[in-house]
Amino acid sequence: MKVVVLTGPESTGKSWLAAGLEQRFGGVRVDEYVRRFIEDNPRDTCLADIPDIARGQLQWEDQARAKQPPLLILDTHLLSNILWSQTLFGACPDWLETELLARHYDLHLLLSPQQVDWAEDGQRCQPDLADRMAFFEATGAWLIEHQQPLQVIEGNWAERHAQAFAAVELLLSN
């Protein structure tokens, strides 16, 4: 089983690419649990919610891993929970990083916020490019520090599509 994670700031095409990769290559896609959590809990999210959000994401990921698909496509993983918790609340439960590092990921597609417009969807909160760039840089720094395989995806929508599909094609050919 090959595991691909789409990661990076909001409004960069993660969900769109995850769906496209699933359609093209098959496998199993795991969506972003926090979106469901926010829909089910229509109030401001707080630090006390982070463990429930992280456990929900892990449960969805573990259920998909148990199916042993040839390709597992994660629209996000715990790194986003960690970074959002730190960004919004200045803290994060320590166990999230331990859980994240205990899992194997074959490739992280890190999506840049540059060259694409931010789109409001009722849940997003970083319309300023500088904020999204800081999140992008923090994501990349964590992945590099922890020696996680990564490829930056950038450019317009067509370029992102081509880069992501080529990266997954290469991963599956090895």
C-alpha atoms as a PDB file:
ATOM      1  CA  MET A   1       0.000   0.000   0.000  1.00  0.00           C
ATOM      2  CA  LYS A   2       1.268   3.455  -0.974  1.00  0.00           C
ATOM      3  CA  VAL A   3       0.091   6.372   1.160  1.00  0.00           C
ATOM      4  CA  VAL A   4      -0.100   9.878  -0.296  1.00  0.00           C
ATOM      5  CA  VAL A   5      -0.939  12.920   1.836  1.00  0.00           C
ATOM      6  CA  LEU A   6      -2.104  16.254   0.454  1.00  0.00           C
ATOM      7  CA  THR A   7      -1.041  18.948   2.879  1.00  0.00           C
ATOM      8  CA  GLY A   8      -0.527  22.670   3.222  1.00  0.00           C
ATOM      9  CA  PRO A   9      -2.648  25.752   3.766  1.00  0.00           C
ATOM     10  CA  GLU A  10      -6.332  26.073   3.048  1.00  0.00           C
ATOM     11  CA  SER A  11      -7.701  26.881  -0.388  1.00  0.00           C
ATOM     12  CA  THR A  12      -4.807  25.348  -2.318  1.00  0.00           C
ATOM     13  CA  GLY A  13      -6.634  22.457  -4.009  1.00  0.00           C
ATOM     14  CA  LYS A  14      -6.064  19.568  -1.602  1.00  0.00           C
ATOM     15  CA  SER A  15      -9.605  18.177  -1.704  1.00  0.00           C
ATOM     16  CA  TRP A  16      -9.922  18.772  -5.435  1.00  0.00           C
ATOM     17  CA  LEU A  17      -6.644  16.956  -6.127  1.00  0.00           C
ATOM     18  CA  ALA A  18      -7.452  14.133  -3.702  1.00  0.00           C
ATOM     19  CA  ALA A  19     -10.707  13.468  -5.558  1.00  0.00           C
ATOM     20  CA  GLY A  20      -8.936  13.649  -8.915  1.00  0.00           C
ATOM     21  CA  LEU A  21      -6.201  11.264  -7.799  1.00  0.00           C
ATOM     22  CA  GLU A  22      -8.781   8.787  -6.538  1.00  0.00           C
ATOM     23  CA  GLN A  23     -10.680   8.991  -9.811  1.00  0.00           C
ATOM     24  CA  ARG A  24      -7.522   8.501 -11.892  1.00  0.00           C
ATOM     25  CA  PHE A  25      -5.618   5.921  -9.808  1.00  0.00           C
ATOM     26  CA  GLY A  26      -8.324   4.281  -7.710  1.00  0.00           C
ATOM     27  CA  GLY A  27      -7.593   3.358  -4.137  1.00  0.00           C
ATOM     28  CA  VAL A  28      -9.256   4.856  -1.090  1.00  0.00           C
ATOM     29  CA  ARG A  29      -9.557   8.556  -0.241  1.00  0.00           C
ATOM     30  CA  VAL A  30      -9.852   9.864   3.312  1.00  0.00           C
ATOM     31  CA  ASP A  31     -11.422  13.291   3.638  1.00  0.00           C
ATOM     32  CA  GLU A  32     -10.675  15.988   6.204  1.00  0.00           C
ATOM     33  CA  TYR A  33     -12.462  15.077   9.443  1.00  0.00           C
ATOM     34  CA  VAL A  34     -12.475  18.622  10.840  1.00  0.00           C
ATOM     35  CA  ARG A  35     -14.975  19.687   8.161  1.00  0.00           C
ATOM     36  CA  ARG A  36     -17.472  17.116   9.474  1.00  0.00           C
ATOM     37  CA  PHE A  37     -16.701  18.137  13.051  1.00  0.00           C
ATOM     38  CA  ILE A  38     -17.436  21.801  12.282  1.00  0.00           C
ATOM     39  CA  GLU A  39     -20.680  20.889  10.498  1.00  0.00           C
ATOM     40  CA  ASP A  40     -21.767  18.751  13.456  1.00  0.00           C
ATOM     41  CA  ASN A  41     -20.714  21.400  16.015  1.00  0.00           C
ATOM     42  CA  PRO A  42     -21.776  24.797  14.625  1.00  0.00           C
ATOM     43  CA  ARG A  43     -19.858  26.959  17.089  1.00  0.00           C
ATOM     44  CA  ASP A  44     -16.346  28.333  17.421  1.00  0.00           C
ATOM     45  CA  THR A  45     -13.849  25.508  17.668  1.00  0.00           C
ATOM     46  CA  CYS A  46     -11.591  25.644  20.737  1.00  0.00           C
ATOM     47  CA  LEU A  47      -8.404  23.993  21.989  1.00  0.00           C
ATOM     48  CA  ALA A  48     -10.462  21.419  23.916  1.00  0.00           C
ATOM     49  CA  ASP A  49     -11.868  20.211  20.560  1.00  0.00           C
ATOM     50  CA  ILE A  50      -8.469  19.344  19.075  1.00  0.00           C
ATOM     51  CA  PRO A  51      -8.205  15.832  20.641  1.00  0.00           C
ATOM     52  CA  ASP A  52     -11.660  14.887  19.308  1.00  0.00           C
ATOM     53  CA  ILE A  53     -10.816  16.250  15.856  1.00  0.00           C
ATOM     54  CA  ALA A  54      -7.485  14.413  15.809  1.00  0.00           C
ATOM     55  CA  ARG A  55      -9.046  11.140  17.003  1.00  0.00           C
ATOM     56  CA  GLY A  56     -11.706  11.433  14.308  1.00  0.00           C
ATOM     57  CA  GLN A  57      -9.049  11.953  11.626  1.00  0.00           C
ATOM     58  CA  LEU A  58      -7.041   9.001  12.940  1.00  0.00           C
ATOM     59  CA  GLN A  59     -10.130   6.785  13.039  1.00  0.00           C
ATOM     60  CA  TRP A  60     -10.952   7.566   9.412  1.00  0.00           C
ATOM     61  CA  GLU A  61      -7.336   6.975   8.397  1.00  0.00           C
ATOM     62  CA  ASP A  62      -7.103   3.696  10.337  1.00  0.00           C
ATOM     63  CA  GLN A  63     -10.361   2.418   8.829  1.00  0.00           C
ATOM     64  CA  ALA A  64      -9.008   3.123   5.348  1.00  0.00           C
ATOM     65  CA  ARG A  65      -5.615   1.556   6.128  1.00  0.00           C
ATOM     66  CA  ALA A  66      -7.370  -1.606   7.338  1.00  0.00           C
ATOM     67  CA  LYS A  67      -8.764  -2.080   3.806  1.00  0.00           C
ATOM     68  CA  GLN A  68      -5.162  -2.318   2.515  1.00  0.00           C
ATOM     69  CA  PRO A  69      -5.853  -0.496  -0.754  1.00  0.00           C
ATOM     70  CA  PRO A  70      -3.007  -0.279  -3.275  1.00  0.00           C
ATOM     71  CA  LEU A  71      -3.247   3.522  -2.903  1.00  0.00           C
ATOM     72  CA  LEU A  72      -4.425   5.468   0.136  1.00  0.00           C
ATOM     73  CA  ILE A  73      -5.019   9.180  -0.519  1.00  0.00           C
ATOM     74  CA  LEU A  74      -5.279  11.405   2.543  1.00  0.00           C
ATOM     75  CA  ASP A  75      -6.824  14.833   2.054  1.00  0.00           C
ATOM     76  CA  THR A  76      -4.929  15.766   5.240  1.00  0.00           C
ATOM     77  CA  HIS A  77      -3.388  14.152   8.297  1.00  0.00           C
ATOM     78  CA  LEU A  78      -2.478  15.064  11.869  1.00  0.00           C
ATOM     79  CA  LEU A  79       0.135  17.618  10.815  1.00  0.00           C
ATOM     80  CA  SER A  80      -2.675  19.962   9.827  1.00  0.00           C
ATOM     81  CA  ASN A  81      -4.323  19.419  13.225  1.00  0.00           C
ATOM     82  CA  ILE A  82      -1.021  20.194  14.946  1.00  0.00           C
ATOM     83  CA  LEU A  83      -0.325  23.350  12.959  1.00  0.00           C
ATOM     84  CA  TRP A  84      -3.893  24.665  13.132  1.00  0.00           C
ATOM     85  CA  SER A  85      -3.958  24.083  16.891  1.00  0.00           C
ATOM     86  CA  GLN A  86      -0.701  26.012  17.275  1.00  0.00           C
ATOM     87  CA  THR A  87      -1.857  28.759  14.885  1.00  0.00           C
ATOM     88  CA  LEU A  88      -5.284  29.290  16.420  1.00  0.00           C
ATOM     89  CA  PHE A  89      -4.658  28.479  20.087  1.00  0.00           C
ATOM     90  CA  GLY A  90      -0.879  28.703  20.620  1.00  0.00           C
ATOM     91  CA  ALA A  91      -0.784  25.131  21.929  1.00  0.00           C
ATOM     92  CA  CYS A  92      -1.311  21.549  20.866  1.00  0.00           C
ATOM     93  CA  PRO A  93      -1.702  18.221  22.673  1.00  0.00           C
ATOM     94  CA  ASP A  94       1.716  16.514  22.685  1.00  0.00           C
ATOM     95  CA  TRP A  95       0.361  13.109  21.688  1.00  0.00           C
ATOM     96  CA  LEU A  96      -0.593  14.295  18.182  1.00  0.00           C
ATOM     97  CA  GLU A  97       3.006  14.435  16.977  1.00  0.00           C
ATOM     98  CA  THR A  98       3.779  11.036  18.526  1.00  0.00           C
ATOM     99  CA  GLU A  99       0.782   9.509  16.726  1.00  0.00           C
ATOM    100  CA  LEU A 100       1.742  11.191  13.458  1.00  0.00           C
ATOM    101  CA  LEU A 101       5.337   9.976  13.596  1.00  0.00           C
ATOM    102  CA  ALA A 102       4.200   6.414  14.376  1.00  0.00           C
ATOM    103  CA  ARG A 103       2.619   6.137  10.904  1.00  0.00           C
ATOM    104  CA  HIS A 104       4.238   5.634   7.528  1.00  0.00           C
ATOM    105  CA  TYR A 105       3.554   7.984   4.628  1.00  0.00           C
ATOM    106  CA  ASP A 106       5.146   7.427   1.221  1.00  0.00           C
ATOM    107  CA  LEU A 107       4.674  10.937  -0.177  1.00  0.00           C
ATOM    108  CA  HIS A 108       3.465  14.334   1.004  1.00  0.00           C
ATOM    109  CA  LEU A 109       2.237  16.672  -1.694  1.00  0.00           C
ATOM    110  CA  LEU A 110       2.747  20.108  -0.126  1.00  0.00           C
ATOM    111  CA  LEU A 111       0.529  22.635  -1.890  1.00  0.00           C
ATOM    112  CA  SER A 112       1.685  26.231  -2.157  1.00  0.00           C
ATOM    113  CA  PRO A 113      -0.847  29.035  -1.673  1.00  0.00           C
ATOM    114  CA  GLN A 114       0.801  31.120  -4.367  1.00  0.00           C
ATOM    115  CA  GLN A 115      -0.711  31.568  -7.840  1.00  0.00           C
ATOM    116  CA  VAL A 116      -4.216  30.482  -6.817  1.00  0.00           C
ATOM    117  CA  ASP A 117      -6.955  32.581  -5.301  1.00  0.00           C
ATOM    118  CA  TRP A 118      -8.278  32.015  -1.803  1.00  0.00           C
ATOM    119  CA  ALA A 119     -11.929  30.952  -1.818  1.00  0.00           C
ATOM    120  CA  GLU A 120     -14.321  31.538   1.086  1.00  0.00           C
ATOM    121  CA  ASP A 121     -16.333  28.466   2.055  1.00  0.00           C
ATOM    122  CA  GLY A 122     -17.651  29.306   5.512  1.00  0.00           C
ATOM    123  CA  GLN A 123     -14.953  27.319   7.321  1.00  0.00           C
ATOM    124  CA  ARG A 124     -11.733  28.882   6.057  1.00  0.00           C
ATOM    125  CA  CYS A 125     -10.081  31.658   8.040  1.00  0.00           C
ATOM    126  CA  GLN A 126      -6.841  32.719   6.312  1.00  0.00           C
ATOM    127  CA  PRO A 127      -7.693  35.019   3.400  1.00  0.00           C
ATOM    128  CA  ASP A 128      -4.327  36.804   3.728  1.00  0.00           C
ATOM    129  CA  LEU A 129      -1.632  35.253   1.531  1.00  0.00           C
ATOM    130  CA  ALA A 130       1.043  36.044   4.139  1.00  0.00           C
ATOM    131  CA  ASP A 131      -0.811  33.896   6.703  1.00  0.00           C
ATOM    132  CA  ARG A 132      -1.181  31.040   4.226  1.00  0.00           C
ATOM    133  CA  MET A 133       2.506  31.325   3.301  1.00  0.00           C
ATOM    134  CA  ALA A 134       3.469  31.075   6.985  1.00  0.00           C
ATOM    135  CA  PHE A 135       1.351  27.907   7.276  1.00  0.00           C
ATOM    136  CA  PHE A 136       2.948  26.527   4.086  1.00  0.00           C
ATOM    137  CA  GLU A 137       6.446  27.227   5.420  1.00  0.00           C
ATOM    138  CA  ALA A 138       5.656  25.686   8.823  1.00  0.00           C
ATOM    139  CA  THR A 139       4.325  22.565   7.100  1.00  0.00           C
ATOM    140  CA  GLY A 140       7.420  22.253   4.927  1.00  0.00           C
ATOM    141  CA  ALA A 141       9.765  22.854   7.867  1.00  0.00           C
ATOM    142  CA  TRP A 142       8.085  20.110   9.919  1.00  0.00           C
ATOM    143  CA  LEU A 143       8.199  17.631   7.031  1.00  0.00           C
ATOM    144  CA  ILE A 144      11.883  18.350   6.377  1.00  0.00           C
ATOM    145  CA  GLU A 145      12.806  18.249  10.083  1.00  0.00           C
ATOM    146  CA  HIS A 146      11.155  14.839  10.399  1.00  0.00           C
ATOM    147  CA  GLN A 147      12.609  13.550   7.120  1.00  0.00           C
ATOM    148  CA  GLN A 148       9.227  12.964   5.518  1.00  0.00           C
ATOM    149  CA  PRO A 149       9.102  12.461   1.731  1.00  0.00           C
ATOM    150  CA  LEU A 150       7.655  15.540   0.101  1.00  0.00           C
ATOM    151  CA  GLN A 151       7.105  17.279  -3.175  1.00  0.00           C
ATOM    152  CA  VAL A 152       5.973  20.880  -3.439  1.00  0.00           C
ATOM    153  CA  ILE A 153       3.009  21.418  -5.743  1.00  0.00           C
ATOM    154  CA  GLU A 154       2.632  24.932  -7.136  1.00  0.00           C
ATOM    155  CA  GLY A 155       1.463  26.972 -10.070  1.00  0.00           C
ATOM    156  CA  ASN A 156      -1.989  27.408 -11.550  1.00  0.00           C
ATOM    157  CA  TRP A 157      -4.674  24.740 -11.314  1.00  0.00           C
ATOM    158  CA  ALA A 158      -3.579  22.907 -14.459  1.00  0.00           C
ATOM    159  CA  GLU A 159       0.049  22.872 -13.314  1.00  0.00           C
ATOM    160  CA  ARG A 160      -0.924  21.572  -9.872  1.00  0.00           C
ATOM    161  CA  HIS A 161      -2.968  18.819 -11.474  1.00  0.00           C
ATOM    162  CA  ALA A 162      -0.083  17.786 -13.748  1.00  0.00           C
ATOM    163  CA  GLN A 163       2.507  17.853 -10.943  1.00  0.00           C
ATOM    164  CA  ALA A 164       0.384  15.876  -8.490  1.00  0.00           C
ATOM    165  CA  PHE A 165      -0.609  13.250 -11.041  1.00  0.00           C
ATOM    166  CA  ALA A 166       3.004  12.844 -12.212  1.00  0.00           C
ATOM    167  CA  ALA A 167       4.216  12.453  -8.619  1.00  0.00           C
ATOM    168  CA  VAL A 168       1.664   9.746  -7.840  1.00  0.00           C
ATOM    169  CA  GLU A 169       2.334   8.003 -11.147  1.00  0.00           C
ATOM    170  CA  LEU A 170       6.038   7.888 -10.246  1.00  0.00           C
ATOM    171  CA  LEU A 171       5.309   6.655  -6.712  1.00  0.00           C
ATOM    172  CA  LEU A 172       3.121   3.841  -8.020  1.00  0.00           C
ATOM    173  CA  SER A 173       5.704   2.792 -10.592  1.00  0.00           C
ATOM    174  CA  ASN A 174       8.336   2.148  -7.914  1.00  0.00           C
END
